[in-house]
Amino acid sequence: MTTELSQMNWTQLDERVQQMIEQEYHIIPMTPGLEASVMRIEMEDQRYVLKVWDKDSKPDIAQQYRLLSKLYQSGIRVSRPYGWGLDDQQNQVLLTSYDGEPITQLTQSKLTHLAERLMEVHRYPVNEMNTGEDGEYIFKTEFVQYFFPQIELHDDINDLLTNLIQQVQIRQECLIHGDYNLGNILEMDGHYTIIDWTNGQYGDPRYDMAWSVFLINIYNGERYGEMYHAKFARSASYTYTLEEEQVFDAIACLRWILLRRVGDVPMGPDVMERVHSMVVRNPYLNEHLL
């Protein structure tokens, strides 16, 4: 794989960057994701991030580039996209602004910012009919099929999930991020930027929030999880019932349990203990799932 920017087949590339890529620049490898290799490009007084999908995942980067462009122009806190194309191995590549490093230490103030950024995403004005211009960069999926891979092989999870979805009608009424976690939120100079929009789609904000709160709970502790949830619950747009909350908490937990069975999920001290605690407290779940 070449990392020579000038040798890549760019479908779209910012004019200023195009003029600069023949000059000297430095490449600094960053922590890779599950789907792609990531590197920082330092060029003159500018820093960029190059993401190369050189693993099994092959998302639609043209769609992601269009989505980022629209969100950036509308004021949503996302990385500025500068270009996309293919490298010499036909791997998709995406060039964006450099916006800092993932959050490592949580505070009440940071949790407030994180909740506000996600609610901004949910308020993004999308075309409700998924037609016209919005249909070109925001897609719809079948909820279970997309977020619960291989669920048909796990009857216990499948049966529970079917019952839960019958109790709440899954909505596809707004833009969701789909995987809003600390690894996908960058921090720099007091600003917070949302990255990795592979799962960005029309979806249900109740699920998007529940998944995000669930991940804070199990990876950062219930104290932070409760504070984070409270930031959403105090907003004027939060009108969900306790039953809805418990159902979507259960759906988020079932997804994590399934992902743990079919692949790798991040682990750490006390993670399973926290998951067990959430399972036994939720009236829709049982500890035989673990």
Protein backbone atom coordinates (compact mmCIF):
# COMPACT_ATOMS: atom_id res chain seq x y z
CA MET A 1 0.00 0.00 0.00
CA THR A 2 1.38 3.37 -0.96
CA THR A 3 0.88 6.36 1.31
CA GLU A 4 2.07 8.76 -1.38
CA LEU A 5 -0.84 11.15 -1.60
CA SER A 6 0.09 12.20 -5.12
CA GLN A 7 -0.03 8.57 -6.30
CA MET A 8 -3.54 7.91 -5.07
CA ASN A 9 -6.53 7.94 -7.37
CA TRP A 10 -8.53 10.79 -5.88
CA THR A 11 -12.17 10.99 -6.90
CA GLN A 12 -12.48 14.29 -5.06
CA LEU A 13 -9.71 16.35 -3.49
CA ASP A 14 -9.65 19.87 -2.06
CA GLU A 15 -7.91 22.25 -4.44
CA ARG A 16 -5.52 23.63 -1.82
CA VAL A 17 -4.49 20.13 -0.72
CA GLN A 18 -4.03 19.16 -4.36
CA GLN A 19 -1.48 21.93 -4.75
CA MET A 20 0.38 20.83 -1.62
CA ILE A 21 0.65 17.05 -2.01
CA GLU A 22 3.67 17.25 -4.29
CA GLN A 23 5.57 18.94 -1.46
CA GLU A 24 7.27 17.29 1.51
CA TYR A 25 5.06 16.00 4.30
CA HIS A 26 5.35 13.68 7.27
CA ILE A 27 3.28 10.56 7.97
CA ILE A 28 2.70 9.54 11.59
CA PRO A 29 0.86 6.23 12.19
CA MET A 30 -2.04 6.44 14.62
CA THR A 31 -3.89 3.74 16.53
CA PRO A 32 -5.73 1.70 13.88
CA GLY A 33 -9.44 1.02 14.11
CA LEU A 34 -11.21 -2.30 13.64
CA GLU A 35 -11.97 -1.39 10.04
CA ALA A 36 -9.13 0.79 8.79
CA SER A 37 -5.58 2.01 9.17
CA VAL A 38 -5.21 5.60 10.33
CA MET A 39 -2.33 8.05 9.98
CA ARG A 40 -1.69 11.71 10.61
CA ILE A 41 -0.34 13.77 7.72
CA GLU A 42 1.69 16.86 8.63
CA MET A 43 2.02 19.20 5.69
CA GLU A 44 3.42 22.74 6.05
CA ASP A 45 1.41 24.25 8.91
CA GLN A 46 -1.56 21.91 8.47
CA ARG A 47 -2.42 18.49 9.92
CA TYR A 48 -4.75 15.98 8.29
CA VAL A 49 -5.93 12.44 8.95
CA LEU A 50 -5.78 9.75 6.27
CA LYS A 51 -7.96 6.71 6.82
CA VAL A 52 -7.43 3.63 4.66
CA TRP A 53 -10.02 0.82 4.65
CA ASP A 54 -7.51 -2.00 4.17
CA LYS A 55 -9.34 -4.60 6.26
CA ASP A 56 -12.49 -6.66 5.74
CA SER A 57 -14.94 -3.77 6.13
CA LYS A 58 -15.75 -1.98 2.87
CA PRO A 59 -18.25 0.79 3.63
CA ASP A 60 -19.42 3.33 1.06
CA ILE A 61 -16.85 6.11 1.50
CA ALA A 62 -18.39 8.23 -1.25
CA GLN A 63 -21.59 8.34 0.81
CA GLN A 64 -19.61 9.05 3.98
CA TYR A 65 -17.74 11.90 2.28
CA ARG A 66 -21.03 13.48 1.17
CA LEU A 67 -22.51 13.09 4.65
CA LEU A 68 -19.46 14.68 6.30
CA SER A 69 -19.54 17.54 3.81
CA LYS A 70 -23.21 18.27 4.54
CA LEU A 71 -22.81 17.99 8.30
CA TYR A 72 -19.69 20.16 8.33
CA GLN A 73 -21.40 22.84 6.26
CA SER A 74 -24.41 22.80 8.61
CA GLY A 75 -22.30 23.34 11.72
CA ILE A 76 -22.40 19.82 13.16
CA ARG A 77 -19.06 19.11 14.90
CA VAL A 78 -17.49 16.66 12.46
CA SER A 79 -14.11 16.50 10.79
CA ARG A 80 -13.82 18.54 7.62
CA PRO A 81 -13.53 16.20 4.62
CA TYR A 82 -10.84 17.10 2.10
CA GLY A 83 -10.89 14.17 -0.30
CA TRP A 84 -11.64 10.55 -1.00
CA GLY A 85 -10.53 7.94 -3.50
CA LEU A 86 -8.54 4.72 -3.84
CA ASP A 87 -4.95 3.71 -3.10
CA ASP A 88 -2.86 1.42 -5.33
CA GLN A 89 -4.46 -1.66 -3.73
CA GLN A 90 -7.96 -0.37 -4.51
CA ASN A 91 -8.59 0.31 -0.83
CA GLN A 92 -10.90 3.26 -0.18
CA VAL A 93 -9.24 6.28 1.44
CA LEU A 94 -10.62 9.38 3.14
CA LEU A 95 -8.67 12.55 3.96
CA THR A 96 -10.06 14.79 6.71
CA SER A 97 -8.95 17.48 9.13
CA TYR A 98 -7.01 16.49 12.25
CA ASP A 99 -9.19 17.23 15.28
CA GLY A 100 -7.31 15.88 18.28
CA GLU A 101 -7.27 12.64 20.21
CA PRO A 102 -10.06 10.47 21.71
CA ILE A 103 -11.29 11.45 25.16
CA THR A 104 -9.63 9.51 27.95
CA GLN A 105 -10.66 11.32 31.15
CA LEU A 106 -14.31 12.12 31.84
CA THR A 107 -15.73 15.02 33.81
CA GLN A 108 -19.25 16.35 34.28
CA SER A 109 -18.45 19.18 31.88
CA LYS A 110 -17.23 16.77 29.19
CA LEU A 111 -20.30 14.56 29.62
CA THR A 112 -22.48 17.63 29.11
CA HIS A 113 -20.65 18.46 25.88
CA LEU A 114 -20.91 14.86 24.66
CA ALA A 115 -24.65 14.70 25.26
CA GLU A 116 -25.18 18.08 23.58
CA ARG A 117 -23.18 17.02 20.51
CA LEU A 118 -25.27 13.86 20.07
CA MET A 119 -28.55 15.75 20.49
CA GLU A 120 -27.33 18.21 17.84
CA VAL A 121 -26.94 15.26 15.47
CA HIS A 122 -30.49 14.11 16.22
CA ARG A 123 -31.82 17.60 15.48
CA TYR A 124 -30.11 17.74 12.08
CA PRO A 125 -32.87 18.55 9.54
CA VAL A 126 -33.18 15.53 7.28
CA ASN A 127 -35.55 14.83 4.44
CA GLU A 128 -38.19 12.68 6.14
CA MET A 129 -39.02 10.73 3.00
CA ASN A 130 -35.40 9.73 2.32
CA THR A 131 -35.73 11.09 -1.19
CA GLY A 132 -34.12 13.91 -3.09
CA GLU A 133 -30.79 15.27 -1.94
CA ASP A 134 -30.82 13.70 1.54
CA GLY A 135 -31.36 10.27 0.04
CA GLU A 136 -27.96 10.58 -1.63
CA TYR A 137 -25.99 10.64 1.61
CA ILE A 138 -28.22 9.33 4.41
CA PHE A 139 -29.42 5.75 4.10
CA LYS A 140 -31.99 3.54 5.82
CA THR A 141 -31.37 -0.01 6.99
CA GLU A 142 -33.43 -2.81 8.48
CA PHE A 143 -32.69 -2.27 12.19
CA VAL A 144 -32.22 -5.86 13.39
CA GLN A 145 -30.34 -7.02 10.32
CA TYR A 146 -27.93 -4.07 10.49
CA PHE A 147 -27.21 -3.82 14.21
CA PHE A 148 -27.52 -7.51 15.17
CA PRO A 149 -25.27 -9.54 12.84
CA GLN A 150 -25.82 -13.31 12.87
CA ILE A 151 -28.68 -13.01 15.37
CA GLU A 152 -30.49 -15.86 13.60
CA LEU A 153 -27.87 -18.20 15.12
CA HIS A 154 -28.71 -17.11 18.68
CA ASP A 155 -32.30 -18.01 19.49
CA ASP A 156 -32.22 -16.70 23.07
CA ILE A 157 -31.22 -13.19 21.96
CA ASN A 158 -33.43 -13.30 18.88
CA ASP A 159 -36.56 -14.23 20.85
CA LEU A 160 -35.98 -11.52 23.44
CA LEU A 161 -35.24 -8.88 20.83
CA THR A 162 -38.37 -9.76 18.84
CA ASN A 163 -40.50 -9.25 21.95
CA LEU A 164 -38.80 -5.95 22.78
CA ILE A 165 -39.28 -4.52 19.30
CA GLN A 166 -42.96 -5.41 19.46
CA GLN A 167 -43.24 -3.11 22.49
CA VAL A 168 -41.62 -0.09 20.86
CA GLN A 169 -41.97 0.85 17.24
CA ILE A 170 -38.47 1.43 15.86
CA ARG A 171 -38.44 4.90 14.33
CA GLN A 172 -36.33 6.06 11.43
CA GLU A 173 -37.09 9.70 11.83
CA CYS A 174 -33.75 11.45 12.27
CA LEU A 175 -30.03 11.17 11.68
CA ILE A 176 -28.21 8.92 14.16
CA HIS A 177 -24.49 8.27 14.51
CA GLY A 178 -24.96 4.58 15.23
CA ASP A 179 -21.85 4.07 17.38
CA TYR A 180 -21.41 7.15 19.57
CA ASN A 181 -18.62 6.18 21.97
CA LEU A 182 -15.52 7.84 23.44
CA GLY A 183 -13.30 6.38 20.73
CA ASN A 184 -15.34 8.25 18.12
CA ILE A 185 -15.21 11.64 19.82
CA LEU A 186 -12.04 13.71 19.53
CA GLU A 187 -10.98 16.47 21.88
CA MET A 188 -8.73 19.43 21.07
CA ASP A 189 -8.54 22.88 22.63
CA GLY A 190 -11.90 22.49 24.35
CA HIS A 191 -13.66 21.42 21.15
CA TYR A 192 -15.26 18.02 20.55
CA THR A 193 -15.48 16.44 17.10
CA ILE A 194 -17.51 13.36 16.12
CA ILE A 195 -15.73 10.93 13.80
CA ASP A 196 -16.37 7.54 12.15
CA TRP A 197 -19.71 7.97 10.40
CA THR A 198 -19.76 4.48 8.88
CA ASN A 199 -23.02 3.74 10.76
CA GLY A 200 -24.57 7.19 10.23
CA GLN A 201 -28.13 6.68 8.94
CA TYR A 202 -31.81 7.40 9.43
CA GLY A 203 -32.61 5.83 12.77
CA ASP A 204 -34.12 5.95 16.22
CA PRO A 205 -32.60 8.52 18.62
CA ARG A 206 -33.75 6.39 21.57
CA TYR A 207 -31.48 3.57 20.41
CA ASP A 208 -28.59 5.93 19.62
CA MET A 209 -28.70 7.38 23.14
CA ALA A 210 -29.22 4.01 24.85
CA TRP A 211 -26.21 2.46 23.09
CA SER A 212 -24.01 5.45 23.97
CA VAL A 213 -25.09 5.46 27.64
CA PHE A 214 -24.66 1.68 27.85
CA LEU A 215 -21.04 1.94 26.65
CA ILE A 216 -20.23 4.68 29.17
CA ASN A 217 -21.78 2.53 31.91
CA ILE A 218 -19.77 -0.61 31.20
CA TYR A 219 -16.44 0.95 30.20
CA ASN A 220 -16.31 4.00 32.46
CA GLY A 221 -18.51 3.02 35.39
CA GLU A 222 -22.11 3.49 36.46
CA ARG A 223 -21.42 6.82 38.17
CA TYR A 224 -20.42 8.35 34.84
CA GLY A 225 -23.22 6.48 33.09
CA GLU A 226 -25.82 7.97 35.43
CA MET A 227 -24.40 11.49 35.01
CA TYR A 228 -24.36 11.07 31.23
CA HIS A 229 -27.94 9.78 31.11
CA ALA A 230 -29.05 12.72 33.27
CA LYS A 231 -27.70 15.16 30.66
CA PHE A 232 -30.12 13.72 28.09
CA ALA A 233 -33.02 13.37 30.53
CA ARG A 234 -32.87 17.06 31.47
CA SER A 235 -33.21 18.25 27.88
CA ALA A 236 -36.56 19.60 26.70
CA SER A 237 -36.60 17.13 23.79
CA TYR A 238 -36.35 14.08 26.08
CA THR A 239 -39.94 12.84 26.38
CA TYR A 240 -39.41 9.09 26.73
CA THR A 241 -41.18 6.96 29.33
CA LEU A 242 -39.39 4.76 31.86
CA GLU A 243 -40.67 1.70 29.97
CA GLU A 244 -39.17 2.99 26.71
CA GLU A 245 -35.87 3.61 28.48
CA GLN A 246 -35.78 0.10 29.92
CA VAL A 247 -36.66 -1.48 26.57
CA PHE A 248 -33.90 0.40 24.72
CA ASP A 249 -31.43 -0.26 27.55
CA ALA A 250 -32.21 -3.95 27.07
CA ILE A 251 -31.82 -3.69 23.29
CA ALA A 252 -28.40 -2.03 23.70
CA CYS A 253 -27.30 -4.70 26.17
CA LEU A 254 -28.46 -7.50 23.87
CA ARG A 255 -26.45 -6.02 21.01
CA TRP A 256 -23.26 -5.98 23.11
CA ILE A 257 -23.83 -9.56 24.28
CA LEU A 258 -24.35 -10.67 20.66
CA LEU A 259 -21.24 -8.82 19.44
CA ARG A 260 -19.24 -10.49 22.21
CA ARG A 261 -20.43 -13.90 21.01
CA VAL A 262 -19.80 -13.38 17.29
CA GLY A 263 -16.61 -11.30 17.44
CA ASP A 264 -14.40 -9.16 19.60
CA VAL A 265 -15.60 -6.38 21.86
CA PRO A 266 -13.29 -4.27 24.01
CA MET A 267 -12.95 -5.68 27.50
CA GLY A 268 -11.37 -4.34 30.66
CA PRO A 269 -11.51 -4.45 34.44
CA ASP A 270 -15.01 -4.95 35.84
CA VAL A 271 -16.71 -4.85 32.40
CA MET A 272 -18.47 -8.20 32.75
CA GLU A 273 -19.42 -7.40 36.33
CA ARG A 274 -21.06 -4.16 35.15
CA VAL A 275 -22.85 -5.90 32.29
CA HIS A 276 -24.12 -8.55 34.72
CA SER A 277 -25.38 -5.83 37.06
CA MET A 278 -27.28 -4.14 34.23
CA VAL A 279 -28.77 -7.45 33.05
CA VAL A 280 -30.14 -8.47 36.46
CA ARG A 281 -31.63 -5.00 37.07
CA ASN A 282 -33.43 -4.82 33.73
CA PRO A 283 -36.89 -6.44 33.84
CA TYR A 284 -36.60 -7.53 30.19
CA LEU A 285 -33.30 -9.45 30.53
CA ASN A 286 -31.98 -12.49 32.40
CA GLU A 287 -28.51 -13.55 33.47
CA HIS A 288 -28.65 -16.79 31.45
CA LEU A 289 -27.69 -14.62 28.46
CA LEU A 290 -24.16 -14.18 29.82
